[in-house]
Amino acid sequence: MIQFPVTPAEQLALQTEDLHAFNQLRAGLHAEHCAATPTELFLVEELVQNTWRIRRFRLLEAATLDLPSPDIRSLALIERSLAAAERSCYRALAALGKLQKARGFVPSKSQQRPEPEQRARTESGFVPQKSKSANSQHLDWDEPFDFERFQAVKQKCLAEQKATKTQEVSG
């Protein structure tokens, strides 16, 4: 690993956030992307920080929506912040992929994660009864994050919410 000044986790995670979870996220993304240059390391750190922000904004959004009368302006600010973090994360991932492809980086089999069924079998000793279909709209947070799939699921949920609200207003 390249020696490069990385912001300490204590300065990035809030006091109310789980520092251990942040460090696990950081370690997992660094292990997955194997940065070989300072630029790649910077991009992996961008992924770490923006992924953490996405998590933070989703928790904040849920907490705001749980209020008896959620503030629309607060929700709009949270949504804008969430969208900015998602875009930054996606751009960092795309730039990192281009740099690594240019240098010929291909993850070895030991770096690739096992299939969900294999992982479940090896981690718990049990085999799941049903395997998820390829078309499943469920987001599995144990899998590497797929931003395009997330956007599709998010758009579907928003469309369903809009349709429900339209039915409530007209009905």
N, C-alpha and C. Protein backbone atom coordinates (compact mmCIF):
# COMPACT_ATOMS: atom_id res chain seq x y z
N MET A 1 0.85 -1.18 0.00
CA MET A 1 0.00 0.00 0.00
C MET A 1 0.88 1.23 0.00
N ILE A 2 0.47 2.23 -0.69
CA ILE A 2 1.21 3.47 -0.81
C ILE A 2 1.06 4.29 0.47
N GLN A 3 2.14 4.90 0.93
CA GLN A 3 2.06 5.78 2.08
C GLN A 3 1.61 7.15 1.59
N PHE A 4 0.51 7.59 2.10
CA PHE A 4 -0.09 8.85 1.67
C PHE A 4 -0.93 9.34 2.84
N PRO A 5 -0.91 10.62 3.15
CA PRO A 5 -1.69 11.07 4.31
C PRO A 5 -3.19 10.86 4.09
N VAL A 6 -3.78 10.08 4.97
CA VAL A 6 -5.21 9.79 4.90
C VAL A 6 -5.84 10.40 6.16
N THR A 7 -6.96 11.06 5.99
CA THR A 7 -7.63 11.69 7.11
C THR A 7 -8.05 10.63 8.13
N PRO A 8 -7.71 10.82 9.40
CA PRO A 8 -8.10 9.83 10.42
C PRO A 8 -9.62 9.67 10.51
N ALA A 9 -10.05 8.46 10.79
CA ALA A 9 -11.47 8.16 10.87
C ALA A 9 -12.16 9.04 11.91
N GLU A 10 -11.47 9.35 12.99
CA GLU A 10 -12.07 10.15 14.05
C GLU A 10 -12.48 11.54 13.55
N GLN A 11 -11.83 12.03 12.50
CA GLN A 11 -12.17 13.34 11.95
C GLN A 11 -13.29 13.25 10.90
N LEU A 12 -13.60 12.05 10.44
CA LEU A 12 -14.61 11.89 9.40
C LEU A 12 -15.94 11.38 9.93
N ALA A 13 -15.89 10.52 10.93
CA ALA A 13 -17.12 9.98 11.52
C ALA A 13 -17.53 10.88 12.69
N LEU A 14 -18.80 11.16 12.78
CA LEU A 14 -19.31 11.96 13.88
C LEU A 14 -19.22 11.16 15.18
N GLN A 15 -19.27 11.86 16.30
CA GLN A 15 -19.18 11.18 17.59
C GLN A 15 -20.31 10.19 17.80
N THR A 16 -21.46 10.46 17.20
CA THR A 16 -22.61 9.56 17.35
C THR A 16 -22.58 8.39 16.37
N GLU A 17 -21.62 8.38 15.45
CA GLU A 17 -21.54 7.31 14.46
C GLU A 17 -20.58 6.21 14.92
N ASP A 18 -20.76 5.05 14.34
CA ASP A 18 -19.98 3.87 14.69
C ASP A 18 -18.62 3.92 14.00
N LEU A 19 -17.59 4.23 14.77
CA LEU A 19 -16.23 4.34 14.23
C LEU A 19 -15.74 3.00 13.68
N HIS A 20 -16.12 1.92 14.34
CA HIS A 20 -15.73 0.58 13.89
C HIS A 20 -16.33 0.28 12.51
N ALA A 21 -17.59 0.65 12.31
CA ALA A 21 -18.24 0.43 11.01
C ALA A 21 -17.55 1.25 9.92
N PHE A 22 -17.18 2.49 10.26
CA PHE A 22 -16.46 3.32 9.30
C PHE A 22 -15.13 2.67 8.92
N ASN A 23 -14.39 2.21 9.91
CA ASN A 23 -13.09 1.58 9.64
C ASN A 23 -13.25 0.29 8.84
N GLN A 24 -14.33 -0.46 9.08
CA GLN A 24 -14.59 -1.66 8.29
C GLN A 24 -14.88 -1.30 6.83
N LEU A 25 -15.68 -0.25 6.64
CA LEU A 25 -15.98 0.21 5.28
C LEU A 25 -14.68 0.62 4.59
N ARG A 26 -13.87 1.40 5.28
CA ARG A 26 -12.60 1.87 4.71
C ARG A 26 -11.69 0.69 4.35
N ALA A 27 -11.55 -0.25 5.26
CA ALA A 27 -10.69 -1.41 5.01
C ALA A 27 -11.21 -2.24 3.84
N GLY A 28 -12.54 -2.41 3.78
CA GLY A 28 -13.12 -3.20 2.70
C GLY A 28 -12.92 -2.56 1.34
N LEU A 29 -13.12 -1.24 1.25
CA LEU A 29 -12.94 -0.57 -0.04
C LEU A 29 -11.47 -0.53 -0.45
N HIS A 30 -10.58 -0.35 0.52
CA HIS A 30 -9.14 -0.38 0.18
C HIS A 30 -8.72 -1.77 -0.27
N ALA A 31 -9.23 -2.81 0.39
CA ALA A 31 -8.90 -4.17 0.00
C ALA A 31 -9.46 -4.49 -1.39
N GLU A 32 -10.65 -4.01 -1.67
CA GLU A 32 -11.29 -4.29 -2.95
C GLU A 32 -10.58 -3.59 -4.11
N HIS A 33 -10.14 -2.35 -3.90
CA HIS A 33 -9.62 -1.55 -5.02
C HIS A 33 -8.10 -1.52 -5.13
N CYS A 34 -7.37 -1.96 -4.14
CA CYS A 34 -5.91 -2.10 -4.21
C CYS A 34 -5.23 -0.90 -4.88
N ALA A 35 -5.32 0.25 -4.29
CA ALA A 35 -4.72 1.46 -4.87
C ALA A 35 -3.22 1.29 -5.00
N ALA A 36 -2.71 1.66 -6.18
CA ALA A 36 -1.28 1.50 -6.45
C ALA A 36 -0.57 2.84 -6.62
N THR A 37 -1.33 3.92 -6.72
CA THR A 37 -0.73 5.25 -6.89
C THR A 37 -1.41 6.21 -5.92
N PRO A 38 -0.79 7.35 -5.67
CA PRO A 38 -1.46 8.34 -4.80
C PRO A 38 -2.82 8.78 -5.35
N THR A 39 -2.96 8.87 -6.66
CA THR A 39 -4.24 9.27 -7.25
C THR A 39 -5.30 8.19 -6.99
N GLU A 40 -4.93 6.94 -7.16
CA GLU A 40 -5.87 5.86 -6.88
C GLU A 40 -6.25 5.85 -5.40
N LEU A 41 -5.28 6.08 -4.53
CA LEU A 41 -5.56 6.13 -3.10
C LEU A 41 -6.53 7.27 -2.79
N PHE A 42 -6.31 8.43 -3.41
CA PHE A 42 -7.21 9.56 -3.23
C PHE A 42 -8.63 9.18 -3.66
N LEU A 43 -8.76 8.50 -4.79
CA LEU A 43 -10.08 8.12 -5.30
C LEU A 43 -10.76 7.08 -4.40
N VAL A 44 -9.98 6.15 -3.86
CA VAL A 44 -10.56 5.18 -2.93
C VAL A 44 -11.04 5.90 -1.67
N GLU A 45 -10.27 6.86 -1.20
CA GLU A 45 -10.70 7.64 -0.03
C GLU A 45 -11.96 8.45 -0.34
N GLU A 46 -12.07 8.96 -1.57
CA GLU A 46 -13.30 9.64 -1.98
C GLU A 46 -14.48 8.67 -1.91
N LEU A 47 -14.27 7.44 -2.37
CA LEU A 47 -15.32 6.43 -2.28
C LEU A 47 -15.72 6.18 -0.83
N VAL A 48 -14.72 6.04 0.03
CA VAL A 48 -14.98 5.79 1.45
C VAL A 48 -15.82 6.92 2.03
N GLN A 49 -15.33 8.14 1.87
CA GLN A 49 -15.99 9.28 2.50
C GLN A 49 -17.39 9.52 1.94
N ASN A 50 -17.55 9.38 0.64
CA ASN A 50 -18.88 9.61 0.05
C ASN A 50 -19.84 8.47 0.34
N THR A 51 -19.34 7.25 0.41
CA THR A 51 -20.20 6.13 0.80
C THR A 51 -20.69 6.33 2.22
N TRP A 52 -19.81 6.81 3.10
CA TRP A 52 -20.20 7.09 4.48
C TRP A 52 -21.22 8.22 4.53
N ARG A 53 -21.02 9.24 3.71
CA ARG A 53 -21.99 10.35 3.67
C ARG A 53 -23.36 9.85 3.19
N ILE A 54 -23.36 8.99 2.19
CA ILE A 54 -24.61 8.44 1.68
C ILE A 54 -25.34 7.72 2.82
N ARG A 55 -24.61 6.92 3.57
CA ARG A 55 -25.19 6.22 4.72
C ARG A 55 -25.76 7.23 5.71
N ARG A 56 -24.98 8.24 6.02
CA ARG A 56 -25.39 9.26 6.98
C ARG A 56 -26.66 9.98 6.51
N PHE A 57 -26.71 10.38 5.24
CA PHE A 57 -27.87 11.11 4.73
C PHE A 57 -29.12 10.23 4.69
N ARG A 58 -28.95 8.95 4.43
CA ARG A 58 -30.11 8.05 4.44
C ARG A 58 -30.67 7.92 5.86
N LEU A 59 -29.79 7.80 6.83
CA LEU A 59 -30.24 7.73 8.23
C LEU A 59 -30.93 9.03 8.64
N LEU A 60 -30.35 10.15 8.21
CA LEU A 60 -30.93 11.46 8.52
C LEU A 60 -32.29 11.62 7.85
N GLU A 61 -32.39 11.16 6.62
CA GLU A 61 -33.67 11.22 5.91
C GLU A 61 -34.73 10.39 6.63
N ALA A 62 -34.37 9.18 7.03
CA ALA A 62 -35.32 8.32 7.74
C ALA A 62 -35.76 8.96 9.06
N ALA A 63 -34.80 9.53 9.78
CA ALA A 63 -35.13 10.19 11.06
C ALA A 63 -36.05 11.39 10.83
N THR A 64 -35.80 12.13 9.76
CA THR A 64 -36.64 13.30 9.46
C THR A 64 -38.05 12.87 9.06
N LEU A 65 -38.14 11.81 8.28
CA LEU A 65 -39.46 11.33 7.86
C LEU A 65 -40.25 10.74 9.02
N ASP A 66 -39.57 10.29 10.07
CA ASP A 66 -40.24 9.74 11.25
C ASP A 66 -40.83 10.82 12.15
N LEU A 67 -40.46 12.06 11.91
CA LEU A 67 -41.01 13.16 12.72
C LEU A 67 -42.51 13.30 12.45
N PRO A 68 -43.27 13.77 13.45
CA PRO A 68 -44.72 13.94 13.25
C PRO A 68 -45.05 14.82 12.04
N SER A 69 -44.29 15.90 11.86
CA SER A 69 -44.51 16.75 10.68
C SER A 69 -43.13 17.11 10.12
N PRO A 70 -42.63 16.29 9.19
CA PRO A 70 -41.30 16.52 8.63
C PRO A 70 -41.20 17.85 7.90
N ASP A 71 -40.07 18.51 8.07
CA ASP A 71 -39.82 19.78 7.41
C ASP A 71 -39.40 19.52 5.96
N ILE A 72 -40.18 20.02 5.04
CA ILE A 72 -39.93 19.79 3.61
C ILE A 72 -38.59 20.40 3.19
N ARG A 73 -38.26 21.58 3.73
CA ARG A 73 -36.97 22.20 3.35
C ARG A 73 -35.80 21.35 3.81
N SER A 74 -35.90 20.77 4.99
CA SER A 74 -34.84 19.89 5.49
C SER A 74 -34.71 18.65 4.61
N LEU A 75 -35.86 18.09 4.23
CA LEU A 75 -35.82 16.91 3.36
C LEU A 75 -35.21 17.24 2.00
N ALA A 76 -35.54 18.41 1.48
CA ALA A 76 -34.98 18.81 0.18
C ALA A 76 -33.46 18.96 0.28
N LEU A 77 -32.98 19.55 1.36
CA LEU A 77 -31.54 19.71 1.57
C LEU A 77 -30.86 18.34 1.72
N ILE A 78 -31.50 17.45 2.45
CA ILE A 78 -30.95 16.09 2.62
C ILE A 78 -30.87 15.40 1.26
N GLU A 79 -31.94 15.49 0.47
CA GLU A 79 -31.96 14.85 -0.85
C GLU A 79 -30.87 15.42 -1.77
N ARG A 80 -30.69 16.74 -1.75
CA ARG A 80 -29.63 17.35 -2.57
C ARG A 80 -28.26 16.87 -2.11
N SER A 81 -28.06 16.82 -0.82
CA SER A 81 -26.78 16.37 -0.28
C SER A 81 -26.54 14.90 -0.61
N LEU A 82 -27.58 14.11 -0.51
CA LEU A 82 -27.49 12.69 -0.86
C LEU A 82 -27.14 12.52 -2.34
N ALA A 83 -27.81 13.27 -3.18
CA ALA A 83 -27.54 13.18 -4.63
C ALA A 83 -26.11 13.61 -4.95
N ALA A 84 -25.63 14.66 -4.29
CA ALA A 84 -24.25 15.12 -4.52
C ALA A 84 -23.25 14.05 -4.10
N ALA A 85 -23.49 13.41 -2.96
CA ALA A 85 -22.58 12.35 -2.49
C ALA A 85 -22.61 11.16 -3.44
N GLU A 86 -23.80 10.82 -3.94
CA GLU A 86 -23.91 9.71 -4.90
C GLU A 86 -23.14 10.02 -6.18
N ARG A 87 -23.30 11.24 -6.69
CA ARG A 87 -22.58 11.62 -7.92
C ARG A 87 -21.08 11.59 -7.70
N SER A 88 -20.62 12.12 -6.57
CA SER A 88 -19.18 12.13 -6.27
C SER A 88 -18.64 10.71 -6.16
N CYS A 89 -19.41 9.86 -5.54
CA CYS A 89 -18.99 8.47 -5.38
C CYS A 89 -18.91 7.78 -6.75
N TYR A 90 -19.92 8.00 -7.55
CA TYR A 90 -19.94 7.39 -8.88
C TYR A 90 -18.78 7.90 -9.74
N ARG A 91 -18.51 9.22 -9.68
CA ARG A 91 -17.40 9.78 -10.47
C ARG A 91 -16.07 9.22 -10.00
N ALA A 92 -15.89 9.10 -8.69
CA ALA A 92 -14.63 8.55 -8.16
C ALA A 92 -14.47 7.09 -8.60
N LEU A 93 -15.56 6.33 -8.54
CA LEU A 93 -15.51 4.93 -8.95
C LEU A 93 -15.19 4.80 -10.44
N ALA A 94 -15.79 5.65 -11.26
CA ALA A 94 -15.52 5.62 -12.70
C ALA A 94 -14.07 6.00 -12.99
N ALA A 95 -13.58 7.06 -12.35
CA ALA A 95 -12.19 7.49 -12.56
C ALA A 95 -11.21 6.43 -12.08
N LEU A 96 -11.50 5.83 -10.94
CA LEU A 96 -10.63 4.77 -10.41
C LEU A 96 -10.60 3.58 -11.36
N GLY A 97 -11.76 3.21 -11.88
CA GLY A 97 -11.82 2.10 -12.84
C GLY A 97 -11.00 2.37 -14.08
N LYS A 98 -11.07 3.60 -14.59
CA LYS A 98 -10.28 3.96 -15.78
C LYS A 98 -8.78 3.89 -15.50
N LEU A 99 -8.37 4.45 -14.37
CA LEU A 99 -6.94 4.41 -14.01
C LEU A 99 -6.45 2.98 -13.85
N GLN A 100 -7.23 2.16 -13.17
CA GLN A 100 -6.80 0.78 -12.93
C GLN A 100 -6.82 -0.04 -14.22
N LYS A 101 -7.78 0.23 -15.07
CA LYS A 101 -7.81 -0.46 -16.37
C LYS A 101 -6.59 -0.08 -17.21
N ALA A 102 -6.24 1.21 -17.15
CA ALA A 102 -5.08 1.69 -17.92
C ALA A 102 -3.78 1.03 -17.46
N ARG A 103 -3.68 0.73 -16.18
CA ARG A 103 -2.46 0.08 -15.69
C ARG A 103 -2.57 -1.45 -15.72
N GLY A 104 -3.70 -1.95 -16.21
CA GLY A 104 -3.85 -3.39 -16.37
C GLY A 104 -4.26 -4.13 -15.11
N PHE A 105 -4.85 -3.43 -14.15
CA PHE A 105 -5.25 -4.08 -12.90
C PHE A 105 -6.50 -4.91 -13.12
N VAL A 106 -6.40 -6.18 -12.73
CA VAL A 106 -7.55 -7.08 -12.74
C VAL A 106 -7.56 -7.76 -11.38
N PRO A 107 -8.67 -7.67 -10.63
CA PRO A 107 -8.69 -8.31 -9.31
C PRO A 107 -8.44 -9.81 -9.43
N SER A 108 -7.60 -10.33 -8.55
CA SER A 108 -7.34 -11.78 -8.56
C SER A 108 -8.53 -12.50 -7.95
N LYS A 109 -8.59 -13.81 -8.12
CA LYS A 109 -9.70 -14.59 -7.58
C LYS A 109 -9.78 -14.44 -6.07
N SER A 110 -8.64 -14.28 -5.40
CA SER A 110 -8.67 -14.15 -3.94
C SER A 110 -9.27 -12.82 -3.51
N GLN A 111 -9.26 -11.80 -4.39
CA GLN A 111 -9.84 -10.50 -4.05
C GLN A 111 -11.32 -10.45 -4.37
N GLN A 112 -11.79 -11.33 -5.25
CA GLN A 112 -13.20 -11.31 -5.62
C GLN A 112 -14.01 -12.01 -4.55
N ARG A 113 -15.19 -11.47 -4.29
CA ARG A 113 -16.05 -12.02 -3.26
C ARG A 113 -16.77 -13.25 -3.80
N PRO A 114 -17.03 -14.24 -2.93
CA PRO A 114 -17.80 -15.41 -3.37
C PRO A 114 -19.25 -15.03 -3.64
N GLU A 115 -19.93 -15.88 -4.39
CA GLU A 115 -21.35 -15.67 -4.65
C GLU A 115 -22.10 -15.65 -3.32
N PRO A 116 -23.26 -14.97 -3.26
CA PRO A 116 -23.99 -14.87 -1.99
C PRO A 116 -24.30 -16.23 -1.37
N GLU A 117 -24.72 -17.21 -2.19
CA GLU A 117 -25.03 -18.53 -1.64
C GLU A 117 -23.80 -19.18 -1.06
N GLN A 118 -22.65 -19.06 -1.76
CA GLN A 118 -21.41 -19.65 -1.25
C GLN A 118 -21.00 -18.96 0.04
N ARG A 119 -21.12 -17.63 0.09
CA ARG A 119 -20.74 -16.88 1.27
C ARG A 119 -21.63 -17.27 2.44
N ALA A 120 -22.95 -17.38 2.20
CA ALA A 120 -23.87 -17.76 3.26
C ALA A 120 -23.54 -19.15 3.78
N ARG A 121 -23.21 -20.06 2.86
CA ARG A 121 -22.90 -21.43 3.25
C ARG A 121 -21.63 -21.48 4.09
N THR A 122 -20.60 -20.72 3.68
CA THR A 122 -19.33 -20.78 4.40
C THR A 122 -19.37 -19.99 5.70
N GLU A 123 -20.10 -18.88 5.75
CA GLU A 123 -20.11 -18.06 6.96
C GLU A 123 -21.02 -18.64 8.03
N SER A 124 -22.17 -19.19 7.66
CA SER A 124 -23.12 -19.64 8.67
C SER A 124 -23.23 -21.16 8.75
N GLY A 125 -22.77 -21.86 7.73
CA GLY A 125 -22.92 -23.31 7.71
C GLY A 125 -24.24 -23.75 7.11
N PHE A 126 -25.14 -22.81 6.80
CA PHE A 126 -26.43 -23.13 6.23
C PHE A 126 -26.51 -22.62 4.80
N VAL A 127 -27.32 -23.30 4.01
CA VAL A 127 -27.56 -22.88 2.64
C VAL A 127 -28.94 -22.25 2.58
N PRO A 128 -29.08 -21.05 1.99
CA PRO A 128 -30.39 -20.41 1.92
C PRO A 128 -31.38 -21.26 1.14
N GLN A 129 -32.66 -21.24 1.56
CA GLN A 129 -33.70 -22.00 0.90
C GLN A 129 -33.99 -21.45 -0.48
N LYS A 130 -34.10 -20.13 -0.57
CA LYS A 130 -34.40 -19.49 -1.85
C LYS A 130 -33.22 -18.62 -2.23
N SER A 131 -32.87 -18.67 -3.50
CA SER A 131 -31.86 -17.72 -3.95
C SER A 131 -32.59 -16.59 -4.63
N LYS A 132 -32.04 -15.39 -4.50
CA LYS A 132 -32.68 -14.23 -5.11
C LYS A 132 -32.57 -14.32 -6.63
N SER A 133 -33.62 -13.88 -7.28
CA SER A 133 -33.59 -13.89 -8.74
C SER A 133 -32.72 -12.75 -9.23
N ALA A 134 -32.27 -12.86 -10.45
CA ALA A 134 -31.42 -11.82 -11.05
C ALA A 134 -32.19 -10.52 -11.19
N ASN A 135 -33.53 -10.61 -11.29
CA ASN A 135 -34.34 -9.41 -11.47
C ASN A 135 -34.83 -8.83 -10.15
N SER A 136 -34.37 -9.37 -9.05
CA SER A 136 -34.83 -8.90 -7.74
C SER A 136 -34.54 -7.42 -7.57
N GLN A 137 -35.50 -6.70 -6.98
CA GLN A 137 -35.31 -5.28 -6.74
C GLN A 137 -34.76 -5.02 -5.34
N HIS A 138 -34.49 -6.08 -4.59
CA HIS A 138 -33.96 -5.95 -3.23
C HIS A 138 -32.48 -5.55 -3.29
N LEU A 139 -32.10 -4.56 -2.49
CA LEU A 139 -30.70 -4.16 -2.42
C LEU A 139 -30.04 -4.94 -1.30
N ASP A 140 -29.00 -5.70 -1.61
CA ASP A 140 -28.29 -6.50 -0.62
C ASP A 140 -27.06 -5.71 -0.20
N TRP A 141 -27.05 -5.25 1.05
CA TRP A 141 -25.98 -4.38 1.51
C TRP A 141 -24.70 -5.14 1.81
N ASP A 142 -24.74 -6.48 1.71
CA ASP A 142 -23.50 -7.25 1.87
C ASP A 142 -22.75 -7.35 0.56
N GLU A 143 -23.41 -7.01 -0.54
CA GLU A 143 -22.79 -7.06 -1.86
C GLU A 143 -22.13 -5.73 -2.18
N PRO A 144 -21.16 -5.72 -3.10
CA PRO A 144 -20.60 -4.43 -3.53
C PRO A 144 -21.72 -3.54 -4.05
N PHE A 145 -21.63 -2.27 -3.77
CA PHE A 145 -22.70 -1.34 -4.11
C PHE A 145 -22.77 -1.11 -5.60
N ASP A 146 -23.96 -1.28 -6.18
CA ASP A 146 -24.20 -1.09 -7.61
C ASP A 146 -25.07 0.16 -7.76
N PHE A 147 -24.43 1.28 -8.14
CA PHE A 147 -25.12 2.56 -8.18
C PHE A 147 -26.21 2.59 -9.24
N GLU A 148 -25.99 1.97 -10.38
CA GLU A 148 -27.01 1.98 -11.43
C GLU A 148 -28.24 1.21 -10.96
N ARG A 149 -28.03 0.08 -10.30
CA ARG A 149 -29.15 -0.70 -9.78
C ARG A 149 -29.86 0.10 -8.68
N PHE A 150 -29.08 0.76 -7.82
CA PHE A 150 -29.68 1.57 -6.77
C PHE A 150 -30.56 2.66 -7.38
N GLN A 151 -30.06 3.35 -8.40
CA GLN A 151 -30.84 4.42 -9.04
C GLN A 151 -32.14 3.86 -9.61
N ALA A 152 -32.08 2.67 -10.22
CA ALA A 152 -33.28 2.06 -10.79
C ALA A 152 -34.29 1.74 -9.69
N VAL A 153 -33.82 1.18 -8.59
CA VAL A 153 -34.72 0.85 -7.48
C VAL A 153 -35.29 2.14 -6.88
N LYS A 154 -34.44 3.17 -6.72
CA LYS A 154 -34.89 4.43 -6.15
C LYS A 154 -35.96 5.05 -7.04
N GLN A 155 -35.74 5.06 -8.36
CA GLN A 155 -36.72 5.63 -9.29
C GLN A 155 -38.04 4.86 -9.23
N LYS A 156 -37.95 3.53 -9.11
CA LYS A 156 -39.17 2.71 -9.03
C LYS A 156 -39.93 3.04 -7.75
N CYS A 157 -39.22 3.18 -6.63
CA CYS A 157 -39.86 3.51 -5.36
C CYS A 157 -40.52 4.89 -5.42
N LEU A 158 -39.80 5.86 -6.00
CA LEU A 158 -40.37 7.20 -6.12
C LEU A 158 -41.62 7.20 -7.00
N ALA A 159 -41.59 6.42 -8.08
CA ALA A 159 -42.75 6.33 -8.96
C ALA A 159 -43.94 5.70 -8.23
N GLU A 160 -43.66 4.66 -7.43
CA GLU A 160 -44.72 4.01 -6.67
C GLU A 160 -45.30 4.97 -5.63
N GLN A 161 -44.42 5.74 -4.96
CA GLN A 161 -44.90 6.71 -3.97
C GLN A 161 -45.76 7.77 -4.63
N LYS A 162 -45.32 8.25 -5.80
CA LYS A 162 -46.07 9.28 -6.52
C LYS A 162 -47.43 8.74 -6.94
N ALA A 163 -47.46 7.48 -7.43
CA ALA A 163 -48.73 6.88 -7.85
C ALA A 163 -49.66 6.71 -6.65
N THR A 164 -49.12 6.33 -5.51
CA THR A 164 -49.93 6.16 -4.30
C THR A 164 -50.51 7.50 -3.86
N LYS A 165 -49.68 8.55 -3.87
CA LYS A 165 -50.16 9.88 -3.47
C LYS A 165 -51.21 10.39 -4.43
N THR A 166 -51.02 10.12 -5.73
CA THR A 166 -52.01 10.54 -6.74
C THR A 166 -53.33 9.84 -6.49
N GLN A 167 -53.30 8.56 -6.17
CA GLN A 167 -54.51 7.80 -5.89
C GLN A 167 -55.20 8.32 -4.64
N GLU A 168 -54.41 8.67 -3.62
CA GLU A 168 -54.99 9.19 -2.37
C GLU A 168 -55.67 10.53 -2.62
N VAL A 169 -55.04 11.39 -3.43
CA VAL A 169 -55.62 12.70 -3.71
C VAL A 169 -56.89 12.58 -4.54
N SER A 170 -56.86 11.73 -5.56
CA SER A 170 -58.01 11.61 -6.45
C SER A 170 -59.11 10.73 -5.83
N GLY A 171 -58.73 9.84 -4.89
CA GLY A 171 -59.71 8.90 -4.32
C GLY A 171 -60.25 9.33 -3.07
